[in-house]
Amino acid sequence: MSMQTPWIAPSILSADFARLGEQVDAVLRAGADVVHFDVMDNHYVPNLTIGPLICEALRKYGVQAPIDVHLMVSPVDRIVPDFAAAGATYISFHPEATQHIDRTIELIREHGCKPGLVFNPATPLEYLDYTLEKLDLVLIMSVNPGFGGQKFIPSALRKLAEARARIDQSGRPVRLEIDGGVKVDNIQSIARAGADTFVAGSAIFGSKDYTQTIQAMRAQIASARS
């Protein structure tokens, strides 16, 4: 496995929105690599969260880390340019949420962002047959999208391993991200299955000491790779 440097990506879905700038600063100071956005539209998923204005606000506040935007919205194309203009780095979407997957990937790239494709627990990886050469990120959902704080679905490990094999075979530096129920006590098996980018919401923002939690996660990832 020619894996990339592991990235910890706290999901701001679990942050305190009244103190969002401070909390994002705090997790980045504590060693996080990426800021993860869970964007829900109450249409593709049964919840409503945040839009481009929050992304723009964090950039204006001074956040310089990559912002990883996971769109759980339909239609997708309408909102892509807005998030690009707001300062997104990665924009990933669900194949079921757009009518033309290839066109959406191209749109994300045209707007200067890195495209990613997201797989729900029961979505097969076959979509990668014709898209992997155009992607910078593959995101495996280990919960059903829509809400934070859910339990990890174990079959995601098998899917991660299969996605890892496809990425390695492609020879391209595509990040393999996991999102849903990631905690200190399961991150080792997740890393062993091949993930290199780890989204954690409540496990980080709900902990008393961000630095300690992120260091504990890194130690588990390192032991999985050794």
C-alpha atoms as a PDB file:
ATOM      1  CA  MET A   1       0.000   0.000   0.000  1.00  0.00           C
ATOM      2  CA  SER A   2       1.509   3.297  -1.115  1.00  0.00           C
ATOM      3  CA  MET A   3      -0.529   5.366   1.274  1.00  0.00           C
ATOM      4  CA  GLN A   4      -0.319   9.076   1.766  1.00  0.00           C
ATOM      5  CA  THR A   5       0.431  10.936   5.000  1.00  0.00           C
ATOM      6  CA  PRO A   6      -2.500  10.353   7.332  1.00  0.00           C
ATOM      7  CA  TRP A   7      -4.837  13.298   7.762  1.00  0.00           C
ATOM      8  CA  ILE A   8      -7.176  13.880  10.673  1.00  0.00           C
ATOM      9  CA  ALA A   9     -10.253  15.811   9.539  1.00  0.00           C
ATOM     10  CA  PRO A  10     -12.513  17.013  12.362  1.00  0.00           C
ATOM     11  CA  SER A  11     -16.113  17.435  11.249  1.00  0.00           C
ATOM     12  CA  ILE A  12     -17.468  20.805  12.309  1.00  0.00           C
ATOM     13  CA  LEU A  13     -20.948  19.257  12.442  1.00  0.00           C
ATOM     14  CA  SER A  14     -20.029  18.408  16.054  1.00  0.00           C
ATOM     15  CA  ALA A  15     -18.539  21.818  16.900  1.00  0.00           C
ATOM     16  CA  ASP A  16     -20.207  24.579  18.903  1.00  0.00           C
ATOM     17  CA  PHE A  17     -21.503  26.881  16.159  1.00  0.00           C
ATOM     18  CA  ALA A  18     -21.663  29.857  18.487  1.00  0.00           C
ATOM     19  CA  ARG A  19     -17.845  29.602  18.791  1.00  0.00           C
ATOM     20  CA  LEU A  20     -17.009  28.048  15.440  1.00  0.00           C
ATOM     21  CA  GLY A  21     -13.933  30.106  14.529  1.00  0.00           C
ATOM     22  CA  GLU A  22     -12.310  29.507  17.924  1.00  0.00           C
ATOM     23  CA  GLN A  23     -13.129  25.799  17.865  1.00  0.00           C
ATOM     24  CA  VAL A  24     -11.703  25.311  14.369  1.00  0.00           C
ATOM     25  CA  ASP A  25      -8.550  27.170  15.436  1.00  0.00           C
ATOM     26  CA  ALA A  26      -8.344  24.965  18.514  1.00  0.00           C
ATOM     27  CA  VAL A  27      -8.550  21.644  16.628  1.00  0.00           C
ATOM     28  CA  LEU A  28      -5.994  22.846  14.071  1.00  0.00           C
ATOM     29  CA  ARG A  29      -3.644  23.904  16.877  1.00  0.00           C
ATOM     30  CA  ALA A  30      -4.239  20.480  18.420  1.00  0.00           C
ATOM     31  CA  GLY A  31      -2.842  18.840  15.272  1.00  0.00           C
ATOM     32  CA  ALA A  32      -5.766  18.378  12.876  1.00  0.00           C
ATOM     33  CA  ASP A  33      -4.889  18.595   9.173  1.00  0.00           C
ATOM     34  CA  VAL A  34      -8.174  19.375   7.440  1.00  0.00           C
ATOM     35  CA  VAL A  35     -11.526  20.974   8.289  1.00  0.00           C
ATOM     36  CA  HIS A  36     -14.417  18.723   7.234  1.00  0.00           C
ATOM     37  CA  PHE A  37     -17.789  20.210   6.242  1.00  0.00           C
ATOM     38  CA  ASP A  38     -20.932  18.082   6.315  1.00  0.00           C
ATOM     39  CA  VAL A  39     -23.348  19.898   4.018  1.00  0.00           C
ATOM     40  CA  MET A  40     -26.938  18.608   4.240  1.00  0.00           C
ATOM     41  CA  ASP A  41     -29.948  19.975   2.413  1.00  0.00           C
ATOM     42  CA  ASN A  42     -33.020  18.326   4.019  1.00  0.00           C
ATOM     43  CA  HIS A  43     -33.742  16.847   0.588  1.00  0.00           C
ATOM     44  CA  TYR A  44     -31.025  14.322  -0.292  1.00  0.00           C
ATOM     45  CA  VAL A  45     -30.641  13.651   3.457  1.00  0.00           C
ATOM     46  CA  PRO A  46     -33.110  14.333   6.286  1.00  0.00           C
ATOM     47  CA  ASN A  47     -31.245  17.162   7.962  1.00  0.00           C
ATOM     48  CA  LEU A  48     -30.218  20.744   7.257  1.00  0.00           C
ATOM     49  CA  THR A  49     -26.764  22.019   8.166  1.00  0.00           C
ATOM     50  CA  ILE A  50     -24.405  24.582   6.670  1.00  0.00           C
ATOM     51  CA  GLY A  51     -23.757  26.346   3.379  1.00  0.00           C
ATOM     52  CA  PRO A  52     -21.011  28.315   1.603  1.00  0.00           C
ATOM     53  CA  LEU A  53     -21.359  31.327   3.906  1.00  0.00           C
ATOM     54  CA  ILE A  54     -19.832  29.360   6.790  1.00  0.00           C
ATOM     55  CA  CYS A  55     -16.926  28.302   4.581  1.00  0.00           C
ATOM     56  CA  GLU A  56     -16.355  31.896   3.515  1.00  0.00           C
ATOM     57  CA  ALA A  57     -16.625  33.097   7.122  1.00  0.00           C
ATOM     58  CA  LEU A  58     -13.919  30.640   8.280  1.00  0.00           C
ATOM     59  CA  ARG A  59     -11.600  31.742   5.463  1.00  0.00           C
ATOM     60  CA  LYS A  60     -12.169  35.397   6.396  1.00  0.00           C
ATOM     61  CA  TYR A  61     -11.536  34.499  10.030  1.00  0.00           C
ATOM     62  CA  GLY A  62      -8.081  33.277   8.926  1.00  0.00           C
ATOM     63  CA  VAL A  63      -8.412  29.498   8.607  1.00  0.00           C
ATOM     64  CA  GLN A  64      -5.780  28.364   6.092  1.00  0.00           C
ATOM     65  CA  ALA A  65      -6.024  24.583   6.399  1.00  0.00           C
ATOM     66  CA  PRO A  66      -7.627  22.647   3.552  1.00  0.00           C
ATOM     67  CA  ILE A  67     -11.437  22.662   3.741  1.00  0.00           C
ATOM     68  CA  ASP A  68     -12.964  19.353   2.739  1.00  0.00           C
ATOM     69  CA  VAL A  69     -16.609  19.855   1.717  1.00  0.00           C
ATOM     70  CA  HIS A  70     -18.827  16.756   1.672  1.00  0.00           C
ATOM     71  CA  LEU A  71     -22.021  17.627  -0.197  1.00  0.00           C
ATOM     72  CA  MET A  72     -25.072  15.627   0.868  1.00  0.00           C
ATOM     73  CA  VAL A  73     -27.262  17.686  -1.435  1.00  0.00           C
ATOM     74  CA  SER A  74     -29.277  17.249  -4.598  1.00  0.00           C
ATOM     75  CA  PRO A  75     -28.931  18.785  -7.132  1.00  0.00           C
ATOM     76  CA  VAL A  76     -25.159  19.115  -6.723  1.00  0.00           C
ATOM     77  CA  ASP A  77     -24.045  21.331  -9.607  1.00  0.00           C
ATOM     78  CA  ARG A  78     -25.909  24.419  -8.500  1.00  0.00           C
ATOM     79  CA  ILE A  79     -23.920  24.745  -5.232  1.00  0.00           C
ATOM     80  CA  VAL A  80     -20.430  23.717  -6.445  1.00  0.00           C
ATOM     81  CA  PRO A  81     -19.366  27.181  -7.747  1.00  0.00           C
ATOM     82  CA  ASP A  82     -20.544  28.800  -4.493  1.00  0.00           C
ATOM     83  CA  PHE A  83     -18.393  26.530  -2.315  1.00  0.00           C
ATOM     84  CA  ALA A  84     -15.433  26.975  -4.675  1.00  0.00           C
ATOM     85  CA  ALA A  85     -15.760  30.761  -4.407  1.00  0.00           C
ATOM     86  CA  ALA A  86     -16.102  30.444  -0.622  1.00  0.00           C
ATOM     87  CA  GLY A  87     -12.690  28.756  -0.340  1.00  0.00           C
ATOM     88  CA  ALA A  88     -13.303  24.990  -0.467  1.00  0.00           C
ATOM     89  CA  THR A  89     -10.285  22.784  -1.269  1.00  0.00           C
ATOM     90  CA  TYR A  90     -11.990  19.420  -1.840  1.00  0.00           C
ATOM     91  CA  ILE A  91     -15.620  19.026  -2.903  1.00  0.00           C
ATOM     92  CA  SER A  92     -17.096  15.539  -2.816  1.00  0.00           C
ATOM     93  CA  PHE A  93     -20.587  14.395  -3.748  1.00  0.00           C
ATOM     94  CA  HIS A  94     -22.778  11.290  -3.942  1.00  0.00           C
ATOM     95  CA  PRO A  95     -23.210   9.658  -7.367  1.00  0.00           C
ATOM     96  CA  GLU A  96     -26.931   9.144  -6.636  1.00  0.00           C
ATOM     97  CA  ALA A  97     -27.368  12.895  -6.097  1.00  0.00           C
ATOM     98  CA  THR A  98     -26.447  14.046  -9.592  1.00  0.00           C
ATOM     99  CA  GLN A  99     -27.700  13.080 -13.038  1.00  0.00           C
ATOM    100  CA  HIS A 100     -24.310  13.336 -14.733  1.00  0.00           C
ATOM    101  CA  ILE A 101     -21.462  12.203 -12.485  1.00  0.00           C
ATOM    102  CA  ASP A 102     -18.723  12.946 -15.004  1.00  0.00           C
ATOM    103  CA  ARG A 103     -20.038  16.456 -15.621  1.00  0.00           C
ATOM    104  CA  THR A 104     -20.131  17.198 -11.884  1.00  0.00           C
ATOM    105  CA  ILE A 105     -16.524  16.002 -11.461  1.00  0.00           C
ATOM    106  CA  GLU A 106     -15.437  18.286 -14.320  1.00  0.00           C
ATOM    107  CA  LEU A 107     -17.405  21.196 -12.844  1.00  0.00           C
ATOM    108  CA  ILE A 108     -15.608  20.855  -9.483  1.00  0.00           C
ATOM    109  CA  ARG A 109     -12.240  20.806 -11.234  1.00  0.00           C
ATOM    110  CA  GLU A 110     -13.131  23.750 -13.509  1.00  0.00           C
ATOM    111  CA  HIS A 111     -13.808  25.801 -10.384  1.00  0.00           C
ATOM    112  CA  GLY A 112     -10.347  25.059  -9.003  1.00  0.00           C
ATOM    113  CA  CYS A 113     -11.276  22.419  -6.425  1.00  0.00           C
ATOM    114  CA  LYS A 114     -10.347  18.759  -6.028  1.00  0.00           C
ATOM    115  CA  PRO A 115     -13.232  16.374  -6.783  1.00  0.00           C
ATOM    116  CA  GLY A 116     -14.266  13.452  -4.605  1.00  0.00           C
ATOM    117  CA  LEU A 117     -16.915  10.738  -4.899  1.00  0.00           C
ATOM    118  CA  VAL A 118     -18.814   9.506  -1.827  1.00  0.00           C
ATOM    119  CA  PHE A 119     -20.130   5.987  -1.270  1.00  0.00           C
ATOM    120  CA  ASN A 120     -23.017   5.300   1.120  1.00  0.00           C
ATOM    121  CA  PRO A 121     -22.926   2.012   3.074  1.00  0.00           C
ATOM    122  CA  ALA A 122     -24.948   0.141   0.405  1.00  0.00           C
ATOM    123  CA  THR A 123     -23.579   1.949  -2.673  1.00  0.00           C
ATOM    124  CA  PRO A 124     -21.301  -0.325  -4.732  1.00  0.00           C
ATOM    125  CA  LEU A 125     -17.828   0.840  -5.785  1.00  0.00           C
ATOM    126  CA  GLU A 126     -18.562   0.194  -9.488  1.00  0.00           C
ATOM    127  CA  TYR A 127     -18.968   3.942  -9.991  1.00  0.00           C
ATOM    128  CA  LEU A 128     -15.157   4.097  -9.729  1.00  0.00           C
ATOM    129  CA  ASP A 129     -14.762   2.048 -12.940  1.00  0.00           C
ATOM    130  CA  TYR A 130     -15.122   5.185 -15.049  1.00  0.00           C
ATOM    131  CA  THR A 131     -14.320   7.961 -12.584  1.00  0.00           C
ATOM    132  CA  LEU A 132     -11.269   7.030 -10.514  1.00  0.00           C
ATOM    133  CA  GLU A 133      -8.824   8.509 -13.037  1.00  0.00           C
ATOM    134  CA  LYS A 134     -10.533  11.883 -12.548  1.00  0.00           C
ATOM    135  CA  LEU A 135     -10.821  11.923  -8.754  1.00  0.00           C
ATOM    136  CA  ASP A 136      -8.597  13.245  -5.969  1.00  0.00           C
ATOM    137  CA  LEU A 137     -10.642  11.710  -3.153  1.00  0.00           C
ATOM    138  CA  VAL A 138     -12.806   8.671  -2.486  1.00  0.00           C
ATOM    139  CA  LEU A 139     -14.979   8.916   0.627  1.00  0.00           C
ATOM    140  CA  ILE A 140     -16.448   5.793   2.181  1.00  0.00           C
ATOM    141  CA  MET A 141     -19.409   6.431   4.499  1.00  0.00           C
ATOM    142  CA  SER A 142     -19.343   4.175   7.543  1.00  0.00           C
ATOM    143  CA  VAL A 143     -22.760   5.459   8.678  1.00  0.00           C
ATOM    144  CA  ASN A 144     -25.854   6.409   6.692  1.00  0.00           C
ATOM    145  CA  PRO A 145     -25.550  10.114   5.906  1.00  0.00           C
ATOM    146  CA  GLY A 146     -27.774  12.652   7.611  1.00  0.00           C
ATOM    147  CA  PHE A 147     -26.781  12.848  11.262  1.00  0.00           C
ATOM    148  CA  GLY A 148     -23.659  13.055  13.427  1.00  0.00           C
ATOM    149  CA  GLY A 149     -22.864  10.722  16.312  1.00  0.00           C
ATOM    150  CA  GLN A 150     -23.878   7.419  14.667  1.00  0.00           C
ATOM    151  CA  LYS A 151     -22.209   4.022  15.174  1.00  0.00           C
ATOM    152  CA  PHE A 152     -19.599   2.713  12.713  1.00  0.00           C
ATOM    153  CA  ILE A 153     -20.956   0.129  10.214  1.00  0.00           C
ATOM    154  CA  PRO A 154     -18.388  -2.740  10.134  1.00  0.00           C
ATOM    155  CA  SER A 155     -18.892  -3.681   6.444  1.00  0.00           C
ATOM    156  CA  ALA A 156     -17.220  -0.346   5.622  1.00  0.00           C
ATOM    157  CA  LEU A 157     -13.868  -2.011   6.400  1.00  0.00           C
ATOM    158  CA  ARG A 158     -14.333  -4.474   3.541  1.00  0.00           C
ATOM    159  CA  LYS A 159     -15.283  -1.619   1.217  1.00  0.00           C
ATOM    160  CA  LEU A 160     -12.257   0.427   2.314  1.00  0.00           C
ATOM    161  CA  ALA A 161      -9.944  -2.473   1.494  1.00  0.00           C
ATOM    162  CA  GLU A 162     -11.511  -2.835  -1.951  1.00  0.00           C
ATOM    163  CA  ALA A 163     -11.252   0.926  -2.612  1.00  0.00           C
ATOM    164  CA  ARG A 164      -7.626   0.865  -1.415  1.00  0.00           C
ATOM    165  CA  ALA A 165      -6.810  -1.885  -3.915  1.00  0.00           C
ATOM    166  CA  ARG A 166      -8.419   0.097  -6.752  1.00  0.00           C
ATOM    167  CA  ILE A 167      -6.522   3.276  -5.819  1.00  0.00           C
ATOM    168  CA  ASP A 168      -3.198   1.436  -5.531  1.00  0.00           C
ATOM    169  CA  GLN A 169      -3.799  -0.201  -8.903  1.00  0.00           C
ATOM    170  CA  SER A 170      -4.515   3.196 -10.477  1.00  0.00           C
ATOM    171  CA  GLY A 171      -1.130   4.492  -9.306  1.00  0.00           C
ATOM    172  CA  ARG A 172      -2.692   7.907  -8.674  1.00  0.00           C
ATOM    173  CA  PRO A 173      -2.380   9.869  -5.406  1.00  0.00           C
ATOM    174  CA  VAL A 174      -6.082   9.631  -4.528  1.00  0.00           C
ATOM    175  CA  ARG A 175      -6.990  10.128  -0.883  1.00  0.00           C
ATOM    176  CA  LEU A 176      -9.144   7.454   0.745  1.00  0.00           C
ATOM    177  CA  GLU A 177     -11.370   9.009   3.372  1.00  0.00           C
ATOM    178  CA  ILE A 178     -13.654   7.446   5.974  1.00  0.00           C
ATOM    179  CA  ASP A 179     -16.565   9.241   7.621  1.00  0.00           C
ATOM    180  CA  GLY A 180     -18.879   8.020  10.357  1.00  0.00           C
ATOM    181  CA  GLY A 181     -18.387   6.732  13.879  1.00  0.00           C
ATOM    182  CA  VAL A 182     -14.578   7.037  13.769  1.00  0.00           C
ATOM    183  CA  LYS A 183     -13.096   6.911  17.287  1.00  0.00           C
ATOM    184  CA  VAL A 184      -9.781   6.278  19.007  1.00  0.00           C
ATOM    185  CA  ASP A 185     -10.760   2.654  19.682  1.00  0.00           C
ATOM    186  CA  ASN A 186     -11.605   1.727  16.059  1.00  0.00           C
ATOM    187  CA  ILE A 187      -9.284   3.970  14.039  1.00  0.00           C
ATOM    188  CA  GLN A 188      -6.519   1.341  14.009  1.00  0.00           C
ATOM    189  CA  SER A 189      -8.663  -1.225  12.156  1.00  0.00           C
ATOM    190  CA  ILE A 190      -9.866   1.551   9.809  1.00  0.00           C
ATOM    191  CA  ALA A 191      -6.267   2.523   9.009  1.00  0.00           C
ATOM    192  CA  ARG A 192      -5.341  -1.118   8.523  1.00  0.00           C
ATOM    193  CA  ALA A 193      -8.142  -1.444   5.941  1.00  0.00           C
ATOM    194  CA  GLY A 194      -6.487   1.339   3.944  1.00  0.00           C
ATOM    195  CA  ALA A 195      -7.937   4.723   4.885  1.00  0.00           C
ATOM    196  CA  ASP A 196      -5.533   7.683   4.987  1.00  0.00           C
ATOM    197  CA  THR A 197      -8.001  10.493   5.765  1.00  0.00           C
ATOM    198  CA  PHE A 198     -10.096  10.203   8.905  1.00  0.00           C
ATOM    199  CA  VAL A 199     -13.201  12.285   9.568  1.00  0.00           C
ATOM    200  CA  ALA A 200     -14.125  12.425  13.245  1.00  0.00           C
ATOM    201  CA  GLY A 201     -16.798  14.685  14.681  1.00  0.00           C
ATOM    202  CA  SER A 202     -18.042  13.940  18.173  1.00  0.00           C
ATOM    203  CA  ALA A 203     -14.918  11.862  18.962  1.00  0.00           C
ATOM    204  CA  ILE A 204     -12.829  15.045  18.698  1.00  0.00           C
ATOM    205  CA  PHE A 205     -15.177  17.947  19.463  1.00  0.00           C
ATOM    206  CA  GLY A 206     -16.832  15.966  22.256  1.00  0.00           C
ATOM    207  CA  SER A 207     -13.507  15.210  23.949  1.00  0.00           C
ATOM    208  CA  LYS A 208     -12.083  17.259  26.821  1.00  0.00           C
ATOM    209  CA  ASP A 209      -8.630  17.561  25.276  1.00  0.00           C
ATOM    210  CA  TYR A 210      -8.418  17.866  21.480  1.00  0.00           C
ATOM    211  CA  THR A 211      -4.628  17.462  21.401  1.00  0.00           C
ATOM    212  CA  GLN A 212      -4.699  14.290  23.470  1.00  0.00           C
ATOM    213  CA  THR A 213      -7.476  12.776  21.329  1.00  0.00           C
ATOM    214  CA  ILE A 214      -5.757  13.597  18.029  1.00  0.00           C
ATOM    215  CA  GLN A 215      -2.411  12.278  19.315  1.00  0.00           C
ATOM    216  CA  ALA A 216      -4.101   9.066  20.461  1.00  0.00           C
ATOM    217  CA  MET A 217      -5.658   8.686  16.994  1.00  0.00           C
ATOM    218  CA  ARG A 218      -2.280   9.256  15.327  1.00  0.00           C
ATOM    219  CA  ALA A 219      -0.627   6.656  17.542  1.00  0.00           C
ATOM    220  CA  GLN A 220      -3.281   4.081  16.567  1.00  0.00           C
ATOM    221  CA  ILE A 221      -2.865   4.904  12.861  1.00  0.00           C
ATOM    222  CA  ALA A 222       0.930   4.585  13.144  1.00  0.00           C
ATOM    223  CA  SER A 223       0.623   1.180  14.829  1.00  0.00           C
ATOM    224  CA  ALA A 224      -1.692   0.013  12.027  1.00  0.00           C
ATOM    225  CA  ARG A 225       0.906   1.014   9.447  1.00  0.00           C
ATOM    226  CA  SER A 226       3.970  -0.436  11.187  1.00  0.00           C
END
